[in-house]
Amino acid sequence: MNPNNADMTTPPPRSQARRFVASLIILGATAQVLGLTLRVPTQLEANDISRWCTVWSLLEEGTYAIDNCPWQSKTQDKVQKPRTPPGGGEPVLHYYSSKPPLLPTLIAGVLYPIRAAVGIPLDHVVEQERNPRYVDKAVEGSPGKTERVLETPKDPVKWPVYVFYLKPMIILLNIVPMVIFLVLFARLLDRHAANDWAWFFSLFAAAWGTYLFDFDQTLNNHTVAAYSGFFALYALIRIWDEEQRRPFYFVLAGFFGAFCACNELPAALFGILLFLMLLIRFPRPTLLWFVPAAAIPCIAFLATQYLAFGQFKPVYEEFGTKSYNYEASYWNAPLEFDYLNKEPESKSIYLFHMLLGHHGVFSLTPIFLFSIAGGIRLIWTRARLSALAWLTIALTLAISAVYLWNPKARNYGGSTQGLRWLFWLIPFWLILLPAGVEAGQDRPWFRRLTLAALFVSIVSVGYALRTPWSHPWFLDLIEHLNMYTLRR
């Protein structure tokens, strides 16, 4: 049965094969990303360390200033701004994370009762004395000769306590939403995937074929925004295409649509379009339920912004000013992709690498070519999800244009796997994917084409497993072939 003609209020019974495969995929992806998260360092690179510094400062000193954080020197994602001391007097320059303070504030709020109950500082380090071991030592007076000497290393082994505070937060923010996302996505596939090939392929791609899998291991705003965006979309589909009018779905759409925008500011366009779509078609429940729910994260964002900086404007909008270019700042002499903020590439080259080049959405994860094709097909046939297809294509074009013309963001997101600024759109593309690959059910040549795209996408994901804060395989390839040069 074609799901476009079926009753969408309740999903059709899931076959035994689909139940088994869904369980295996969701369990396998969850176990793998959990093991990866527990294995990699809790503090990977400057991006996540910047947010952890704010968490430390809030819990240990009750301030957003990160001057005294022991990890502050490890991040260049910080600004220097003056604040007037509580007792008055001349403003004093302090370091702050350049990241919006809402997410670190929420993390600090969750950790506060635990930190108070345990009483151990986040930066506490447990030291373990080393045992003697044999080492090779040069024999004095006999060049080239060595001897085995029993020696006890002077420096003890150090075990940082922050791992026990911060790892659970990564699991709570990334892995728990990932599981919910996969479960709900499988339910969407029950109602909107036309055949088994589209169902199996799309769920497997959602689990292992996108960069969300890599970024789930580290603290970042992109996965939080992506999963929030999906929860808002899920509610929109239930309301718009499946004729569910319960207040719960309007609350869900409002809260997570706004929370998505609070974590990825260009996603404010999504929040606005989502509001207008529901307001025009369902004005009363939108005003009654959507708006108050959306106001909660918006007010929290503005409140934490003002508490941290005394202003409502995001501090990274001051990029290029003295807030960033203080004495000895990394941004005075940036390297690699960050140098492109000073001497940007032409817009045509930048657009090529955004879409098909070294950070290209479609070169690194070509499964999304089928998503765009599926979106066009849904619009052309006016099928269910056609409104979502219009929304997705419009947002993809608009957000790509934002980063193409934004003079303060011309570095592809820095040293990162994939174009991370567009990651919040991944759930949008995934929902359109079944319509783009369903022809693989009956056409072997098309099925092989989709498998080739999935193969490349998973290779890209696998290349990023050690750390998402590194260069994609495509860039490493062309740089080693001397086809592209970075300032190092």
Protein backbone atom coordinates (compact mmCIF):
# COMPACT_ATOMS: atom_id res chain seq x y z
CA MET A 1 0.00 0.00 0.00
CA ASN A 2 1.31 3.45 -0.89
CA PRO A 3 1.52 5.46 2.35
CA ASN A 4 0.43 8.59 0.50
CA ASN A 5 -3.03 7.04 0.19
CA ALA A 6 -3.17 5.38 3.60
CA ASP A 7 -4.67 6.52 6.86
CA MET A 8 -1.89 8.45 8.56
CA THR A 9 -3.49 8.81 11.99
CA THR A 10 -2.06 5.46 13.09
CA PRO A 11 0.97 3.70 11.62
CA PRO A 12 0.42 0.39 9.83
CA PRO A 13 1.55 -2.73 11.68
CA ARG A 14 5.32 -3.11 11.43
CA SER A 15 6.43 -6.38 9.90
CA GLN A 16 8.55 -8.80 11.90
CA ALA A 17 11.51 -8.16 9.60
CA ARG A 18 11.25 -4.41 10.17
CA ARG A 19 10.94 -4.89 13.93
CA PHE A 20 14.09 -7.02 14.01
CA VAL A 21 16.09 -4.69 11.78
CA ALA A 22 14.98 -1.57 13.66
CA SER A 23 16.04 -3.12 16.96
CA LEU A 24 19.43 -4.14 15.57
CA ILE A 25 20.14 -0.78 13.93
CA ILE A 26 19.10 1.34 16.91
CA LEU A 27 20.85 -0.92 19.42
CA GLY A 28 24.00 -1.16 17.30
CA ALA A 29 24.29 2.57 16.61
CA THR A 30 23.60 3.45 20.25
CA ALA A 31 26.13 0.96 21.61
CA GLN A 32 28.79 2.07 19.15
CA VAL A 33 28.41 5.79 19.79
CA LEU A 34 28.25 5.19 23.55
CA GLY A 35 31.49 3.21 23.45
CA LEU A 36 33.08 5.88 21.30
CA THR A 37 31.95 8.63 23.68
CA LEU A 38 33.35 6.82 26.70
CA ARG A 39 36.64 6.14 24.93
CA VAL A 40 37.59 9.52 23.45
CA PRO A 41 38.88 12.40 25.60
CA THR A 42 36.13 14.42 27.25
CA GLN A 43 37.80 17.64 26.14
CA LEU A 44 38.65 17.25 22.48
CA GLU A 45 39.39 20.66 20.98
CA ALA A 46 39.02 24.41 21.47
CA ASN A 47 35.34 24.37 20.50
CA ASP A 48 34.05 22.10 23.25
CA ILE A 49 36.63 23.25 25.82
CA SER A 50 35.28 26.79 25.48
CA ARG A 51 31.87 25.66 26.69
CA TRP A 52 33.32 23.47 29.44
CA CYS A 53 35.20 26.52 30.72
CA THR A 54 31.90 28.35 31.20
CA VAL A 55 30.46 25.33 33.03
CA TRP A 56 33.49 25.26 35.35
CA SER A 57 33.30 28.99 36.06
CA LEU A 58 29.58 28.88 36.85
CA LEU A 59 29.93 25.93 39.22
CA GLU A 60 33.22 26.83 40.89
CA GLU A 61 33.12 30.64 40.94
CA GLY A 62 29.54 31.62 40.13
CA THR A 63 30.55 33.76 37.15
CA TYR A 64 30.59 33.58 33.37
CA ALA A 65 34.15 34.93 33.26
CA ILE A 66 36.58 32.09 32.53
CA ASP A 67 39.81 33.86 33.61
CA ASN A 68 40.61 31.34 36.34
CA CYS A 69 39.46 28.19 34.60
CA PRO A 70 42.39 25.75 34.43
CA TRP A 71 41.40 24.77 30.88
CA GLN A 72 41.10 28.33 29.55
CA SER A 73 44.51 28.32 27.87
CA LYS A 74 43.45 25.36 25.68
CA THR A 75 40.83 27.30 23.73
CA GLN A 76 40.98 30.22 21.32
CA ASP A 77 37.17 30.42 21.28
CA LYS A 78 37.10 33.22 23.83
CA VAL A 79 36.64 36.96 23.89
CA GLN A 80 37.91 39.72 26.14
CA LYS A 81 35.28 42.12 27.41
CA PRO A 82 35.11 44.68 30.24
CA ARG A 83 32.77 44.22 33.19
CA THR A 84 32.21 46.59 36.10
CA PRO A 85 33.04 44.95 39.46
CA PRO A 86 30.03 44.26 41.73
CA GLY A 87 31.08 47.04 44.11
CA GLY A 88 31.51 49.57 41.32
CA GLY A 89 34.67 51.17 40.01
CA GLU A 90 36.54 50.97 36.74
CA PRO A 91 35.54 48.15 34.35
CA VAL A 92 37.91 45.19 34.37
CA LEU A 93 38.78 43.10 31.31
CA HIS A 94 37.79 39.44 31.60
CA TYR A 95 37.91 36.41 29.32
CA TYR A 96 34.60 34.83 28.32
CA SER A 97 33.68 31.94 26.08
CA SER A 98 32.56 33.21 22.69
CA LYS A 99 29.80 30.58 22.63
CA PRO A 100 26.22 31.52 23.51
CA PRO A 101 25.85 30.91 27.25
CA LEU A 102 22.47 29.14 27.24
CA LEU A 103 23.77 25.59 26.73
CA PRO A 104 26.61 25.84 29.33
CA THR A 105 24.15 27.38 31.77
CA LEU A 106 21.74 24.46 31.36
CA ILE A 107 24.62 22.01 31.87
CA ALA A 108 25.76 23.85 34.99
CA GLY A 109 22.19 23.81 36.30
CA VAL A 110 21.99 20.03 35.94
CA LEU A 111 25.41 19.51 37.53
CA TYR A 112 24.96 21.99 40.39
CA PRO A 113 23.18 19.65 42.85
CA ILE A 114 25.65 16.86 42.04
CA ARG A 115 28.64 19.15 42.55
CA ALA A 116 27.15 20.44 45.81
CA ALA A 117 26.44 16.93 47.11
CA VAL A 118 29.80 15.44 46.13
CA GLY A 119 31.87 18.45 47.14
CA ILE A 120 34.72 17.69 44.73
CA PRO A 121 35.75 20.49 42.31
CA LEU A 122 35.45 19.82 38.59
CA ASP A 123 39.17 20.43 38.09
CA HIS A 124 40.30 18.08 40.88
CA VAL A 125 42.92 15.55 39.80
CA VAL A 126 43.55 12.20 41.52
CA GLU A 127 47.25 11.30 41.47
CA GLN A 128 48.58 7.76 41.46
CA GLU A 129 52.22 7.05 42.30
CA ARG A 130 54.11 5.05 39.69
CA ASN A 131 55.91 1.77 40.28
CA PRO A 132 59.58 1.18 39.35
CA ARG A 133 60.29 -0.04 35.81
CA TYR A 134 63.38 -0.72 33.72
CA VAL A 135 64.39 2.01 31.29
CA ASP A 136 67.26 2.36 28.83
CA LYS A 137 69.91 4.85 29.93
CA ALA A 138 72.96 6.04 28.00
CA VAL A 139 76.23 4.80 29.50
CA GLU A 140 78.28 7.78 30.50
CA GLY A 141 81.57 7.95 28.61
CA SER A 142 80.47 5.31 26.08
CA PRO A 143 78.67 6.93 23.15
CA GLY A 144 76.02 4.73 21.58
CA LYS A 145 75.87 2.26 24.46
CA THR A 146 72.88 1.90 26.80
CA GLU A 147 72.10 -0.08 29.92
CA ARG A 148 68.88 -1.18 31.61
CA VAL A 149 68.27 0.72 34.85
CA LEU A 150 65.46 0.20 37.40
CA GLU A 151 63.86 3.62 37.90
CA THR A 152 60.70 5.12 39.37
CA PRO A 153 59.18 7.94 37.21
CA LYS A 154 58.98 11.23 39.04
CA ASP A 155 55.60 12.33 37.70
CA PRO A 156 52.55 10.43 38.99
CA VAL A 157 49.66 9.24 36.83
CA LYS A 158 46.90 11.86 36.85
CA TRP A 159 43.19 11.00 36.67
CA PRO A 160 40.98 14.08 36.14
CA VAL A 161 37.70 14.03 38.06
CA TYR A 162 35.90 16.16 35.49
CA VAL A 163 35.35 13.04 33.38
CA PHE A 164 32.74 11.83 35.89
CA TYR A 165 30.91 15.16 35.74
CA LEU A 166 31.10 15.89 32.04
CA LYS A 167 30.75 12.51 30.29
CA PRO A 168 27.19 11.97 31.60
CA MET A 169 26.23 15.39 30.21
CA ILE A 170 27.42 14.41 26.72
CA ILE A 171 25.36 11.23 26.98
CA LEU A 172 22.32 13.20 28.16
CA LEU A 173 22.62 15.90 25.49
CA ASN A 174 23.61 13.76 22.49
CA ILE A 175 23.08 10.03 22.89
CA VAL A 176 19.68 10.02 24.63
CA PRO A 177 18.19 12.37 21.97
CA MET A 178 19.83 10.25 19.25
CA VAL A 179 18.00 7.14 20.49
CA ILE A 180 14.67 9.00 20.63
CA PHE A 181 15.35 10.42 17.17
CA LEU A 182 15.97 6.95 15.67
CA VAL A 183 12.87 5.48 17.34
CA LEU A 184 10.63 8.30 16.10
CA PHE A 185 12.24 8.29 12.67
CA ALA A 186 11.44 4.58 12.32
CA ARG A 187 7.82 5.41 13.16
CA LEU A 188 7.78 8.09 10.48
CA LEU A 189 9.13 5.55 8.03
CA ASP A 190 6.27 3.20 8.96
CA ARG A 191 3.85 5.84 7.74
CA HIS A 192 5.76 7.50 4.89
CA ALA A 193 8.25 5.02 3.39
CA ALA A 194 6.69 3.52 0.26
CA ASN A 195 8.44 0.16 0.41
CA ASP A 196 10.95 -1.98 2.30
CA TRP A 197 13.99 -0.67 0.43
CA ALA A 198 13.18 2.95 1.33
CA TRP A 199 12.44 1.94 4.94
CA PHE A 200 15.62 -0.11 5.54
CA PHE A 201 17.94 2.22 3.61
CA SER A 202 16.70 5.39 5.32
CA LEU A 203 16.90 4.03 8.86
CA PHE A 204 20.41 2.67 8.27
CA ALA A 205 21.48 6.02 6.77
CA ALA A 206 20.04 7.91 9.76
CA ALA A 207 22.04 5.72 12.14
CA TRP A 208 25.45 5.57 10.44
CA GLY A 209 25.41 7.74 7.32
CA THR A 210 25.60 11.29 8.70
CA TYR A 211 28.08 13.40 10.65
CA LEU A 212 25.69 13.55 13.60
CA PHE A 213 27.11 10.14 14.55
CA ASP A 214 30.61 11.63 14.91
CA PHE A 215 29.58 14.79 16.71
CA ASP A 216 27.53 12.85 19.26
CA GLN A 217 30.79 12.10 21.09
CA THR A 218 31.60 15.75 21.88
CA LEU A 219 29.91 18.77 23.42
CA ASN A 220 28.61 20.99 20.62
CA ASN A 221 25.55 22.96 19.64
CA HIS A 222 25.03 21.29 16.25
CA THR A 223 23.71 17.93 17.44
CA VAL A 224 21.51 19.65 20.03
CA ALA A 225 20.04 21.87 17.31
CA ALA A 226 19.64 18.94 14.88
CA TYR A 227 17.73 16.73 17.30
CA SER A 228 15.64 19.69 18.47
CA GLY A 229 14.82 20.46 14.86
CA PHE A 230 13.74 16.87 14.27
CA PHE A 231 11.42 16.85 17.29
CA ALA A 232 9.81 20.05 16.00
CA LEU A 233 9.47 18.50 12.52
CA TYR A 234 7.97 15.33 13.95
CA ALA A 235 5.29 17.43 15.65
CA LEU A 236 4.73 19.43 12.44
CA ILE A 237 4.21 16.25 10.41
CA ARG A 238 1.78 14.89 12.99
CA ILE A 239 -0.20 18.13 12.85
CA TRP A 240 0.06 19.02 9.15
CA ASP A 241 0.10 15.70 7.31
CA GLU A 242 -1.37 13.26 9.82
CA GLU A 243 -4.24 15.41 11.13
CA GLN A 244 -3.32 15.26 14.81
CA ARG A 245 -4.50 18.38 16.66
CA ARG A 246 -3.55 17.57 20.25
CA PRO A 247 -2.06 20.51 22.18
CA PHE A 248 0.96 18.33 22.95
CA TYR A 249 2.16 18.51 19.35
CA PHE A 250 1.85 22.29 19.21
CA VAL A 251 3.82 22.56 22.46
CA LEU A 252 6.44 20.17 21.07
CA ALA A 253 6.74 22.14 17.83
CA GLY A 254 6.97 25.47 19.62
CA PHE A 255 9.50 24.51 22.26
CA PHE A 256 11.88 22.52 20.08
CA GLY A 257 11.56 24.85 17.09
CA ALA A 258 12.68 27.72 19.31
CA PHE A 259 15.33 25.65 21.11
CA CYS A 260 16.77 24.65 17.73
CA ALA A 261 17.12 28.35 16.86
CA CYS A 262 18.67 29.16 20.25
CA ASN A 263 21.43 26.64 19.57
CA GLU A 264 21.90 27.49 15.88
CA LEU A 265 20.93 31.12 15.35
CA PRO A 266 20.34 30.94 11.56
CA ALA A 267 17.69 28.32 12.41
CA ALA A 268 15.58 31.26 13.60
CA LEU A 269 14.33 31.29 10.02
CA PHE A 270 12.99 27.76 10.58
CA GLY A 271 11.29 28.86 13.80
CA ILE A 272 9.64 31.79 12.04
CA LEU A 273 8.44 29.71 9.06
CA LEU A 274 7.21 26.97 11.38
CA PHE A 275 5.21 29.53 13.36
CA LEU A 276 3.71 31.13 10.23
CA MET A 277 2.74 27.77 8.72
CA LEU A 278 0.86 26.72 11.83
CA LEU A 279 -0.57 30.18 12.51
CA ILE A 280 -2.14 30.44 9.05
CA ARG A 281 -3.69 26.99 9.13
CA PHE A 282 -4.35 26.53 12.87
CA PRO A 283 -4.35 30.02 14.44
CA ARG A 284 -6.02 29.27 17.77
CA PRO A 285 -3.91 26.30 18.98
CA THR A 286 -0.79 27.98 17.61
CA LEU A 287 -1.35 31.10 19.71
CA LEU A 288 -2.57 29.13 22.70
CA TRP A 289 0.08 26.39 22.82
CA PHE A 290 2.89 26.98 20.32
CA VAL A 291 3.75 30.56 21.28
CA PRO A 292 4.07 30.10 25.08
CA ALA A 293 6.18 26.96 24.57
CA ALA A 294 8.45 28.77 22.09
CA ALA A 295 8.83 31.71 24.48
CA ILE A 296 10.52 29.54 27.14
CA PRO A 297 13.84 28.87 25.33
CA CYS A 298 13.81 32.33 23.74
CA ILE A 299 13.53 34.07 27.12
CA ALA A 300 16.18 31.75 28.58
CA PHE A 301 18.53 32.54 25.69
CA LEU A 302 18.15 36.30 26.11
CA ALA A 303 18.39 36.12 29.91
CA THR A 304 21.62 34.11 29.92
CA GLN A 305 23.05 36.33 27.20
CA TYR A 306 22.41 39.41 29.33
CA LEU A 307 23.69 37.79 32.52
CA ALA A 308 26.92 36.81 30.80
CA PHE A 309 27.69 39.91 28.76
CA GLY A 310 25.27 42.64 29.78
CA GLN A 311 23.86 42.70 26.25
CA PHE A 312 21.35 40.74 24.16
CA LYS A 313 23.44 40.63 20.96
CA PRO A 314 25.45 37.39 20.59
CA VAL A 315 29.07 38.10 21.33
CA TYR A 316 30.38 36.32 18.23
CA GLU A 317 28.73 39.05 16.17
CA GLU A 318 31.66 41.16 17.40
CA PHE A 319 34.12 39.03 15.41
CA GLY A 320 36.84 41.26 14.00
CA THR A 321 36.62 43.80 16.82
CA LYS A 322 38.86 44.28 19.86
CA SER A 323 36.76 41.71 21.74
CA TYR A 324 38.43 39.06 19.58
CA ASN A 325 41.62 40.83 18.50
CA TYR A 326 43.11 41.51 21.91
CA GLU A 327 46.83 41.21 22.60
CA ALA A 328 48.24 37.72 21.89
CA SER A 329 44.86 36.53 20.56
CA TYR A 330 44.91 33.61 18.15
CA TRP A 331 42.72 35.65 15.83
CA ASN A 332 45.50 38.19 15.24
CA ALA A 333 47.43 35.54 13.30
CA PRO A 334 44.93 32.79 12.37
CA LEU A 335 46.02 29.65 10.53
CA GLU A 336 44.54 27.05 8.19
CA PHE A 337 40.87 27.73 7.39
CA ASP A 338 40.60 30.51 9.95
CA TYR A 339 42.97 32.54 7.76
CA LEU A 340 40.21 32.66 5.14
CA ASN A 341 38.32 35.05 7.40
CA LYS A 342 41.08 37.58 6.69
CA GLU A 343 41.60 36.72 3.01
CA PRO A 344 38.43 34.95 1.87
CA GLU A 345 38.13 32.82 -1.22
CA SER A 346 35.88 33.94 -4.05
CA LYS A 347 32.20 33.19 -3.56
CA SER A 348 32.17 30.73 -6.47
CA ILE A 349 35.03 28.68 -4.99
CA TYR A 350 33.53 28.86 -1.53
CA LEU A 351 30.12 27.70 -2.77
CA PHE A 352 31.72 24.83 -4.69
CA HIS A 353 33.54 23.55 -1.60
CA MET A 354 30.39 24.00 0.52
CA LEU A 355 28.40 21.73 -1.78
CA LEU A 356 30.73 19.51 -3.82
CA GLY A 357 34.28 20.16 -2.63
CA HIS A 358 36.38 19.41 0.44
CA HIS A 359 33.57 20.32 2.88
CA GLY A 360 30.75 19.57 0.47
CA VAL A 361 27.43 18.34 1.78
CA PHE A 362 26.92 16.25 -1.36
CA SER A 363 30.52 15.13 -1.90
CA LEU A 364 31.06 13.88 1.66
CA THR A 365 27.50 12.61 2.25
CA PRO A 366 26.04 11.99 -1.24
CA ILE A 367 22.97 10.25 0.20
CA PHE A 368 21.51 13.73 0.49
CA LEU A 369 21.46 14.10 -3.28
CA PHE A 370 18.61 11.57 -3.12
CA SER A 371 16.98 13.64 -0.37
CA ILE A 372 16.84 16.69 -2.65
CA ALA A 373 15.53 14.52 -5.46
CA GLY A 374 12.91 13.10 -3.10
CA GLY A 375 11.88 16.60 -2.02
CA ILE A 376 11.43 17.71 -5.64
CA ARG A 377 9.40 14.58 -6.35
CA LEU A 378 7.11 15.20 -3.36
CA ILE A 379 6.52 18.78 -4.47
CA TRP A 380 5.90 17.75 -8.09
CA THR A 381 3.36 15.07 -7.16
CA ARG A 382 1.82 17.12 -4.32
CA ALA A 383 2.11 14.11 -2.08
CA ARG A 384 2.10 14.01 1.69
CA LEU A 385 5.16 15.77 3.15
CA SER A 386 5.17 18.17 0.19
CA ALA A 387 4.90 21.10 2.62
CA LEU A 388 7.92 19.75 4.47
CA ALA A 389 9.73 19.37 1.15
CA TRP A 390 9.08 23.03 0.32
CA LEU A 391 10.28 24.02 3.78
CA THR A 392 13.44 21.91 3.54
CA ILE A 393 14.51 23.12 0.11
CA ALA A 394 13.79 26.74 1.01
CA LEU A 395 15.82 26.46 4.22
CA THR A 396 18.69 24.67 2.47
CA LEU A 397 18.95 27.43 -0.12
CA ALA A 398 18.53 30.23 2.41
CA ILE A 399 21.03 28.93 4.97
CA SER A 400 23.58 28.14 2.27
CA ALA A 401 23.22 31.73 1.05
CA VAL A 402 23.65 33.05 4.60
CA TYR A 403 27.02 31.37 4.97
CA LEU A 404 28.06 32.17 1.41
CA TRP A 405 27.57 35.91 1.92
CA ASN A 406 28.43 36.18 5.63
CA PRO A 407 31.82 37.99 5.80
CA LYS A 408 32.35 36.77 9.39
CA ALA A 409 31.97 33.07 8.56
CA ARG A 410 34.11 32.19 5.56
CA ASN A 411 36.20 29.38 7.06
CA TYR A 412 33.95 26.32 6.51
CA GLY A 413 33.53 26.08 10.28
CA GLY A 414 37.29 25.78 10.90
CA SER A 415 38.99 22.42 11.47
CA THR A 416 35.89 20.27 11.37
CA GLN A 417 34.56 17.23 9.60
CA GLY A 418 31.93 18.45 7.16
CA LEU A 419 30.15 21.78 6.95
CA ARG A 420 28.97 21.77 10.57
CA TRP A 421 26.88 24.91 10.21
CA LEU A 422 24.38 22.94 8.10
CA PHE A 423 24.20 19.88 10.36
CA TRP A 424 20.95 20.99 11.94
CA LEU A 425 19.34 20.45 8.51
CA ILE A 426 20.32 16.75 8.45
CA PRO A 427 16.98 15.56 9.95
CA PHE A 428 15.12 17.59 7.30
CA TRP A 429 17.06 15.83 4.54
CA LEU A 430 16.63 12.42 6.15
CA ILE A 431 12.85 12.74 6.24
CA LEU A 432 12.86 13.35 2.46
CA LEU A 433 15.29 10.48 1.81
CA PRO A 434 12.69 7.65 1.50
CA ALA A 435 10.97 9.44 -1.38
CA GLY A 436 14.33 9.75 -3.14
CA VAL A 437 15.45 6.12 -2.83
CA GLU A 438 12.20 4.13 -3.08
CA ALA A 439 12.87 3.31 -6.75
CA GLY A 440 15.63 0.99 -5.54
CA GLN A 441 12.96 -1.57 -4.59
CA ASP A 442 12.43 -2.62 -8.22
CA ARG A 443 15.42 -1.18 -10.12
CA PRO A 444 18.75 -2.92 -9.40
CA TRP A 445 20.83 -0.23 -11.13
CA PHE A 446 19.23 2.46 -8.96
CA ARG A 447 19.69 0.34 -5.85
CA ARG A 448 23.41 0.04 -6.62
CA LEU A 449 23.60 3.81 -7.07
CA THR A 450 22.06 4.47 -3.67
CA LEU A 451 24.38 1.91 -2.06
CA ALA A 452 27.40 3.66 -3.59
CA ALA A 453 26.22 6.96 -2.10
CA LEU A 454 25.70 5.30 1.28
CA PHE A 455 29.18 3.74 1.07
CA VAL A 456 30.85 7.14 0.53
CA SER A 457 28.77 8.71 3.32
CA ILE A 458 29.75 6.03 5.82
CA VAL A 459 33.42 6.30 4.77
CA SER A 460 33.23 10.02 5.58
CA VAL A 461 31.68 9.25 8.96
CA GLY A 462 34.29 6.59 9.68
CA TYR A 463 37.13 8.95 8.78
CA ALA A 464 35.88 11.35 11.44
CA LEU A 465 35.55 8.86 14.31
CA ARG A 466 38.82 9.72 16.07
CA THR A 467 37.73 13.34 16.41
CA PRO A 468 35.13 15.42 14.57
CA TRP A 469 37.37 18.47 15.05
CA SER A 470 39.67 17.56 12.16
CA HIS A 471 39.76 17.78 8.37
CA PRO A 472 37.60 15.58 6.10
CA TRP A 473 39.21 12.90 3.95
CA PHE A 474 38.50 14.93 0.81
CA LEU A 475 40.59 17.85 2.06
CA ASP A 476 43.45 15.61 3.23
CA LEU A 477 43.44 13.96 -0.18
CA ILE A 478 43.62 17.10 -2.31
CA GLU A 479 46.09 18.74 0.05
CA HIS A 480 48.44 15.75 -0.08
CA LEU A 481 48.13 15.83 -3.89
CA ASN A 482 49.14 19.51 -3.78
CA MET A 483 45.81 20.54 -5.30
CA TYR A 484 44.83 22.76 -2.36
CA THR A 485 46.99 24.73 0.06
CA LEU A 486 46.28 25.88 3.60
CA ARG A 487 48.26 28.47 5.52
CA ARG A 488 50.03 26.54 8.29
